Protein backbone atom coordinates (compact mmCIF):
# COMPACT_ATOMS: atom_id res chain seq x y z
CA MET A 1 -29.86 23.36 -22.59
CA SER A 2 -27.63 24.74 -25.26
CA GLY A 3 -24.29 23.77 -26.62
CA SER A 4 -21.34 25.57 -28.13
CA MET A 5 -18.27 24.29 -29.84
CA VAL A 6 -15.40 24.31 -32.24
CA ILE A 7 -11.81 25.43 -32.30
CA GLY A 8 -10.64 28.13 -34.65
CA SER A 9 -14.00 29.23 -35.99
CA GLU A 10 -17.11 30.95 -34.77
CA VAL A 11 -18.74 29.21 -31.83
CA GLU A 12 -22.06 27.64 -32.67
CA SER A 13 -24.88 27.63 -30.14
CA SER A 14 -28.01 25.57 -30.23
CA ALA A 15 -31.11 25.86 -28.11
CA SER A 16 -32.01 22.24 -28.69
CA PRO A 17 -29.86 19.12 -28.30
CA ILE A 18 -29.85 18.39 -32.02
CA ALA A 19 -29.28 21.30 -34.33
CA SER A 20 -28.07 19.57 -37.47
CA PRO A 21 -30.02 17.10 -39.62
CA PHE A 22 -29.02 13.47 -39.74
CA LEU A 23 -28.29 11.53 -42.84
CA THR A 24 -31.09 9.14 -43.67
CA PRO A 25 -30.20 5.44 -43.11
CA PRO A 26 -29.72 2.81 -44.25
CA TYR A 27 -26.31 3.13 -45.83
CA PRO A 28 -24.63 0.78 -48.28
CA SER A 29 -22.83 -2.03 -46.51
CA THR A 30 -19.93 -1.85 -48.92
CA VAL A 31 -17.49 1.00 -48.40
CA ASP A 32 -15.20 2.23 -51.15
CA HIS A 33 -11.69 1.96 -49.72
CA ASP A 34 -10.49 4.83 -51.87
CA LYS A 35 -13.08 7.11 -50.28
CA LEU A 36 -11.99 6.26 -46.77
CA GLY A 37 -8.99 8.52 -47.14
CA CYS A 38 -6.69 6.00 -45.48
CA SER A 39 -3.27 7.59 -45.11
CA MET A 40 -0.31 5.98 -43.43
CA LEU A 41 1.92 9.03 -43.96
CA ILE A 42 0.97 10.94 -40.83
CA ARG A 43 4.22 11.95 -39.19
CA GLN A 44 5.72 14.62 -36.99
CA ASP A 45 9.18 15.94 -37.84
CA PRO A 46 11.55 16.80 -34.97
CA PHE A 47 13.04 20.27 -34.87
CA SER A 48 16.57 20.21 -36.25
CA ILE A 49 19.00 22.48 -38.09
CA THR A 50 21.67 20.98 -40.34
CA LEU A 51 24.58 23.13 -41.51
CA ASP A 52 27.21 22.09 -44.03
CA ALA A 53 30.73 23.54 -43.88
CA PRO A 54 30.04 26.70 -45.96
CA ALA A 55 26.85 27.44 -44.01
CA LEU A 56 28.62 26.92 -40.69
CA LEU A 57 31.40 29.30 -41.76
CA THR A 58 28.83 31.90 -42.85
CA VAL A 59 26.96 31.71 -39.54
CA THR A 60 30.21 32.03 -37.61
CA LEU A 61 31.25 35.14 -39.55
CA MET A 62 27.80 36.68 -39.07
CA LEU A 63 27.98 36.08 -35.33
CA VAL A 64 31.43 37.65 -35.08
CA LEU A 65 30.43 40.68 -37.14
CA GLY A 66 27.14 41.00 -35.30
CA MET A 67 28.83 41.18 -31.91
CA HIS A 68 30.95 44.12 -33.11
CA MET A 69 28.57 45.99 -35.42
CA ILE A 70 25.05 45.53 -33.98
CA ASP A 71 23.62 46.89 -30.74
CA HIS A 72 23.95 44.17 -28.14
CA HIS A 73 20.24 44.29 -27.22
CA LEU A 74 19.22 43.85 -30.85
CA PHE A 75 21.84 41.16 -31.31
CA ALA A 76 20.51 39.24 -28.29
CA CYS A 77 16.97 39.44 -29.73
CA LEU A 78 18.21 38.05 -33.04
CA LEU A 79 20.02 35.18 -31.32
CA VAL A 80 16.90 34.20 -29.40
CA GLY A 81 14.30 35.08 -32.01
CA THR A 82 15.76 33.23 -35.00
CA PRO A 83 15.67 29.70 -33.52
CA ALA A 84 12.31 30.50 -31.89
CA LEU A 85 10.81 31.39 -35.27
CA LEU A 86 12.27 28.22 -36.80
CA LEU A 87 10.79 26.18 -33.96
CA ILE A 88 7.35 27.75 -34.48
CA ARG A 89 7.61 27.11 -38.23
CA ASN A 90 8.39 23.43 -37.62
CA ASP A 91 5.53 23.10 -35.14
CA TYR A 92 3.11 24.75 -37.57
CA HIS A 93 4.07 22.36 -40.37
CA ASN A 94 3.62 19.40 -38.01
CA PHE A 95 0.15 20.76 -37.22
CA LEU A 96 -0.69 20.84 -40.93
CA LYS A 97 0.64 17.30 -41.45
CA LEU A 98 -1.97 15.91 -39.04
CA GLY A 99 -4.61 16.60 -41.68
CA PRO A 100 -8.09 18.10 -41.42
CA GLY A 101 -9.74 18.33 -38.03
CA GLY A 102 -11.66 20.63 -35.73
CA THR A 103 -9.14 23.45 -36.12
CA PRO A 104 -8.88 25.34 -39.44
CA PRO A 105 -5.46 24.70 -41.06
CA THR A 106 -4.56 28.39 -40.93
CA LEU A 107 -2.21 30.61 -38.96
CA SER A 108 -5.14 31.93 -36.91
CA GLY A 109 -6.27 28.38 -36.18
CA TYR A 110 -2.74 27.43 -35.14
CA ALA A 111 -2.49 30.51 -32.90
CA ARG A 112 -5.75 29.64 -31.15
CA LEU A 113 -4.59 26.06 -30.68
CA SER A 114 -1.31 27.31 -29.19
CA TRP A 115 -3.37 29.26 -26.64
CA TYR A 116 -5.33 26.16 -25.66
CA ARG A 117 -2.08 24.22 -25.38
CA LEU A 118 -1.22 26.24 -22.28
CA PHE A 119 -4.14 24.58 -20.47
CA ALA A 120 -3.78 21.04 -21.87
CA ILE A 121 -3.88 18.22 -19.33
CA ARG A 122 -0.45 16.83 -18.51
CA ASP A 123 -1.46 13.24 -17.77
CA PRO A 124 -3.89 11.80 -20.36
CA PHE A 125 -3.90 8.45 -18.54
CA SER A 126 -5.50 9.63 -15.29
CA ALA A 127 -9.28 9.30 -15.09
CA PRO A 128 -11.51 12.25 -14.15
CA ILE A 129 -13.50 12.23 -10.94
CA SER A 130 -17.13 11.21 -11.31
CA SER A 131 -19.77 13.52 -9.87
CA LEU A 132 -22.61 12.12 -7.75
CA SER A 133 -25.03 14.38 -9.59
CA HIS A 134 -23.92 13.09 -12.95
CA LEU A 135 -26.33 11.30 -15.28
CA PRO A 136 -26.19 8.44 -15.99
CA ALA A 137 -25.13 7.65 -12.44
CA SER A 138 -22.52 5.07 -13.49
CA GLY A 139 -20.81 3.54 -16.49
CA ILE A 140 -21.44 0.09 -17.95
CA LEU A 141 -18.02 -1.27 -18.91
CA GLY A 142 -17.34 -2.39 -15.35
CA ASN A 143 -20.15 -4.96 -15.59
CA GLN A 144 -18.04 -6.99 -18.02
CA PRO A 145 -14.47 -5.67 -17.73
CA LEU A 146 -12.48 -5.20 -20.93
CA PRO A 147 -9.45 -7.41 -21.59
CA TYR A 148 -6.07 -5.74 -21.40
CA ARG A 149 -4.77 -4.41 -24.69
CA PRO A 150 -1.46 -6.17 -25.49
CA GLY A 151 1.64 -4.40 -26.73
CA PRO A 152 2.94 -0.86 -26.26
CA ARG A 153 0.75 2.19 -26.53
CA PRO A 154 0.77 3.82 -29.97
CA LEU A 155 2.31 7.23 -30.53
CA VAL A 156 -0.27 10.01 -30.49
CA ALA A 157 0.33 13.64 -31.52
CA GLY A 158 -1.60 16.87 -31.81
CA LEU A 159 -4.44 18.56 -29.99
CA ALA A 160 -7.07 19.35 -32.61
CA PRO A 161 -6.66 17.36 -34.69
CA GLN A 162 -5.27 14.60 -32.52
CA ARG A 163 -4.01 11.61 -34.46
CA GLN A 164 -2.32 8.25 -33.99
CA LEU A 165 1.10 8.03 -35.66
CA ASP A 166 1.59 4.25 -35.70
CA GLN A 167 -0.21 0.92 -35.15
CA TRP A 168 -3.01 1.87 -37.53
CA GLY A 169 -6.09 -0.30 -37.76
CA PRO A 170 -6.97 -2.08 -41.01
CA VAL A 171 -9.48 -0.53 -43.40
CA ARG A 172 -11.66 -3.64 -43.16
CA CYS A 173 -12.24 -3.13 -39.44
CA CYS A 174 -13.13 0.53 -39.92
CA GLU A 175 -15.60 -0.52 -42.60
CA GLN A 176 -17.21 -3.12 -40.34
CA LEU A 177 -17.43 -0.67 -37.44
CA LYS A 178 -19.21 1.89 -39.61
CA THR A 179 -21.59 -0.80 -40.85
CA ALA A 180 -22.39 -1.84 -37.27
CA ILE A 181 -23.12 1.78 -36.34
CA GLU A 182 -25.30 2.26 -39.42
CA ARG A 183 -27.28 -0.88 -38.56
CA ALA A 184 -27.91 0.50 -35.09
CA THR A 185 -29.34 3.71 -36.59
CA VAL A 186 -31.65 1.61 -38.77
CA GLN A 187 -32.74 -0.50 -35.81
CA PHE A 188 -33.21 2.50 -33.49
CA PRO A 189 -33.98 5.45 -35.79
CA GLN A 190 -35.78 7.27 -32.99
CA LEU A 191 -32.63 7.22 -30.84
CA LEU A 192 -29.62 7.40 -33.17
CA GLY A 193 -28.53 8.99 -36.42
CA THR A 194 -25.35 9.58 -38.40
CA ALA A 195 -23.96 12.72 -40.01
CA THR A 196 -20.71 14.62 -40.44
CA SER A 197 -18.98 15.20 -37.11
CA SER A 198 -19.98 18.45 -35.41
CA ILE A 199 -16.75 18.50 -33.43
CA GLU A 200 -14.25 17.55 -36.16
CA LYS A 201 -16.26 19.06 -39.02
CA HIS A 202 -15.04 16.10 -41.06
CA GLY A 203 -15.76 12.41 -41.16
CA PHE A 204 -18.37 9.88 -40.10
CA ALA A 205 -20.06 10.42 -36.73
CA LEU A 206 -22.81 8.90 -34.60
CA PHE A 207 -25.34 11.16 -32.86
CA ALA A 208 -28.00 10.69 -30.19
CA ARG A 209 -31.29 12.30 -31.17
CA HIS A 210 -32.31 12.97 -27.56
CA PRO A 211 -29.03 13.18 -25.63
CA VAL A 212 -28.81 13.31 -21.86
CA ASN A 213 -25.33 14.82 -22.12
CA VAL A 214 -25.21 17.35 -24.94
CA HIS A 215 -21.80 17.71 -26.52
CA GLY A 216 -21.38 18.66 -30.16
CA ASN A 217 -25.12 18.53 -30.88
CA GLY A 218 -25.39 15.15 -29.17
CA GLU A 219 -22.37 13.60 -30.87
CA VAL A 220 -21.57 10.14 -29.49
CA ALA A 221 -18.43 9.32 -31.47
CA HIS A 222 -16.62 10.05 -34.71
CA VAL A 223 -14.15 8.01 -36.76
CA HIS A 224 -10.95 9.46 -38.22
CA SER A 225 -10.53 8.43 -41.85
CA SER A 226 -6.75 8.90 -41.76
CA ASP A 227 -5.69 6.66 -38.87
CA LYS A 228 -8.99 4.84 -38.13
CA SER A 229 -8.96 5.88 -34.47
CA LEU A 230 -12.06 7.25 -32.74
CA HIS A 231 -12.98 10.09 -30.47
CA LEU A 232 -15.99 9.58 -28.25
CA ASN A 233 -17.64 10.64 -25.01
CA LEU A 234 -17.64 8.24 -22.06
CA HIS A 235 -18.84 8.22 -18.48
CA PRO A 236 -15.94 8.85 -16.05
CA ASP A 237 -16.31 5.28 -14.73
CA ASP A 238 -15.90 3.89 -18.24
CA ILE A 239 -13.00 6.23 -18.96
CA LYS A 240 -11.22 4.74 -15.96
CA GLU A 241 -11.85 1.22 -17.29
CA VAL A 242 -10.55 2.09 -20.77
CA LEU A 243 -7.46 3.79 -19.35
CA GLN A 244 -6.61 0.93 -17.02
CA ARG A 245 -7.02 -1.66 -19.79
CA GLY A 246 -4.88 0.30 -22.24
CA TRP A 247 -7.47 0.97 -24.95
CA GLY A 248 -7.29 4.72 -25.04
CA GLN A 249 -6.33 8.01 -23.51
CA ARG A 250 -8.00 11.28 -22.62
CA HIS A 251 -7.93 14.16 -25.02
CA PRO A 252 -5.30 16.76 -23.99
CA LEU A 253 -7.90 19.54 -24.20
CA ALA A 254 -10.25 17.77 -21.76
CA PHE A 255 -9.27 20.22 -19.06
CA LYS A 256 -11.58 21.83 -16.53
CA GLY A 257 -12.14 25.33 -17.85
CA ILE A 258 -12.84 28.53 -15.99
CA ARG A 259 -16.22 29.88 -17.08
CA GLY A 260 -16.00 33.37 -18.51
CA TRP A 261 -12.27 33.13 -19.13
CA ILE A 262 -11.25 29.87 -20.75
CA GLU A 263 -13.32 26.81 -21.55
CA SER A 264 -12.26 23.62 -23.26
CA PRO A 265 -13.36 23.30 -26.91
CA VAL A 266 -14.15 19.62 -26.27
CA PRO A 267 -16.15 17.92 -23.51
CA SER A 268 -14.33 16.63 -20.46
CA THR A 269 -15.51 13.13 -21.32
CA PHE A 270 -13.75 13.17 -24.70
CA VAL A 271 -11.48 10.15 -25.27
CA MET A 272 -9.35 8.72 -28.06
CA ILE A 273 -9.75 4.99 -28.70
CA ARG A 274 -7.27 2.87 -30.60
CA TYR A 275 -8.25 -0.43 -32.06
CA THR A 276 -6.40 -3.55 -33.11
CA PRO A 277 -8.35 -5.19 -35.69
CA ASN A 278 -9.40 8.25 -29.70
CA SER A 279 -20.65 19.57 -27.27
CA LEU A 280 -19.93 22.40 -25.82
CA LEU A 281 -22.50 23.93 -23.60
CA SER A 282 -21.94 21.94 -20.47
CA PHE A 283 -18.28 21.14 -20.89
CA HIS A 284 -16.97 18.52 -18.59
CA PRO A 285 -13.49 18.59 -20.15
CA GLU A 286 -12.00 16.27 -17.64
CA ARG A 287 -13.96 13.45 -19.27
CA THR A 288 -12.86 13.55 -22.91
CA PHE A 289 -11.18 10.49 -24.36
CA ASP A 290 -9.44 8.86 -27.37
CA ILE A 291 -9.57 5.24 -28.63
CA TYR A 292 -6.45 3.86 -30.28
CA VAL A 293 -6.08 1.68 -33.31
CA GLU A 294 -3.81 -1.27 -32.68
CA LYS A 295 -1.54 -3.41 -34.86
CA THR A 296 -2.85 -6.62 -36.42
CA ASN A 297 -0.04 -8.92 -35.29
CA HIS A 298 -1.02 -9.14 -31.62
CA VAL A 299 -2.48 -12.20 -29.93
CA LEU A 300 -6.04 -10.91 -30.14
CA THR A 301 -7.62 -11.26 -33.57
CA ASP A 302 -8.92 -8.28 -35.50
CA GLU A 303 -12.49 -9.44 -34.95
CA THR A 304 -12.00 -9.76 -31.19
CA ASP A 305 -10.48 -6.31 -30.95
CA LEU A 306 -13.26 -4.84 -33.07
CA ARG A 307 -15.83 -6.32 -30.68
CA ILE A 308 -14.02 -4.58 -27.83
CA VAL A 309 -14.21 -1.27 -29.68
CA CYS A 310 -17.92 -1.88 -30.28
CA LYS A 311 -18.39 -2.36 -26.52
CA ILE A 312 -16.71 0.99 -25.93
CA VAL A 313 -18.94 2.66 -28.52
CA GLU A 314 -21.95 1.09 -26.76
CA ALA A 315 -20.69 2.67 -23.53
CA ALA A 316 -20.49 6.02 -25.34
CA ILE A 317 -24.12 5.62 -26.44
CA TRP A 318 -25.06 4.84 -22.84
CA TYR A 319 -23.31 7.97 -21.56
CA THR A 320 -24.72 10.29 -24.23
CA ALA A 321 -28.27 8.93 -24.54
CA ALA A 322 -28.74 6.77 -21.39
CA GLU A 323 -29.75 3.87 -23.65
CA LYS A 324 -28.25 0.38 -23.74
CA ILE A 325 -27.81 -0.67 -27.36
CA ASN A 326 -25.84 -3.60 -28.74
CA LEU A 327 -23.86 -3.10 -31.95
CA GLU A 328 -23.99 -6.05 -34.34
CA LEU A 329 -21.02 -6.66 -36.62
CA PRO A 330 -21.59 -7.88 -40.20
CA CYS A 331 -19.94 -11.19 -39.31
CA ASP A 332 -22.66 -11.78 -36.68
CA SER A 333 -25.39 -11.83 -39.31
């Protein structure tokens, strides 16, 4: 098998499931908050044009003169093109404000992302259809169903990067989740490892050393340092469970590509997961997913919500490596 990936840069191919070295565990249990890059300033500005009285008068005069002095075809192009360029400029700046991700923060990266946007899935809350030939044959979250996530869904923006705009998770929970993942790599070094995300090219990620489903060099999940949400790969059955319980949504680029013409830059099992305390050879874009980060003032405690996220990460390990592994939080020690 081989895998290919990444938006806005050369596509990497690997003949083996794991092409990049893992960092050597164990890791320090204490995380420097300053190094987590926690930013609560992620925002998207709406497109708007504000004119004061002098500017409005100037625009009016230019329109009147243009109608009489400029060829009507050229004038029509100017009328349509000017606001279109301003709209593109606003959209490009919103793309940059999402921070680093899988797409280079350049005009060429933005142009490529705009192309993929034409094929983005329209309903990120509908689960993909599971194939009978798929391995593993089923998910594991249905054995012990997740509780429903209380409160409204957070606002999510962007394609690559895709980020959560509100209801951010606390730094402490992100720290504990990373510690739990690191402990799993120490306990099962022959199965798991951590390194920089192959899909995002930034941030902390968990990998399977011998993946059954090869996406992003066997990437299981990665954590976003800015909003503390996660992207991970799940079995279609588990995606359905996460969607129904309100813990995440599918990635907009998890579409079913047409081989030889357009293929998704992320696997179809890619999901974004939000928490309270969201590969490239065989793309199955309809299965990509995102886990949200939820506010801390809901009924469920941070610790309870973090355990739910750990269960979802365990399901991602099951889907990627076909291994059942329990994540242990520091508070369980």
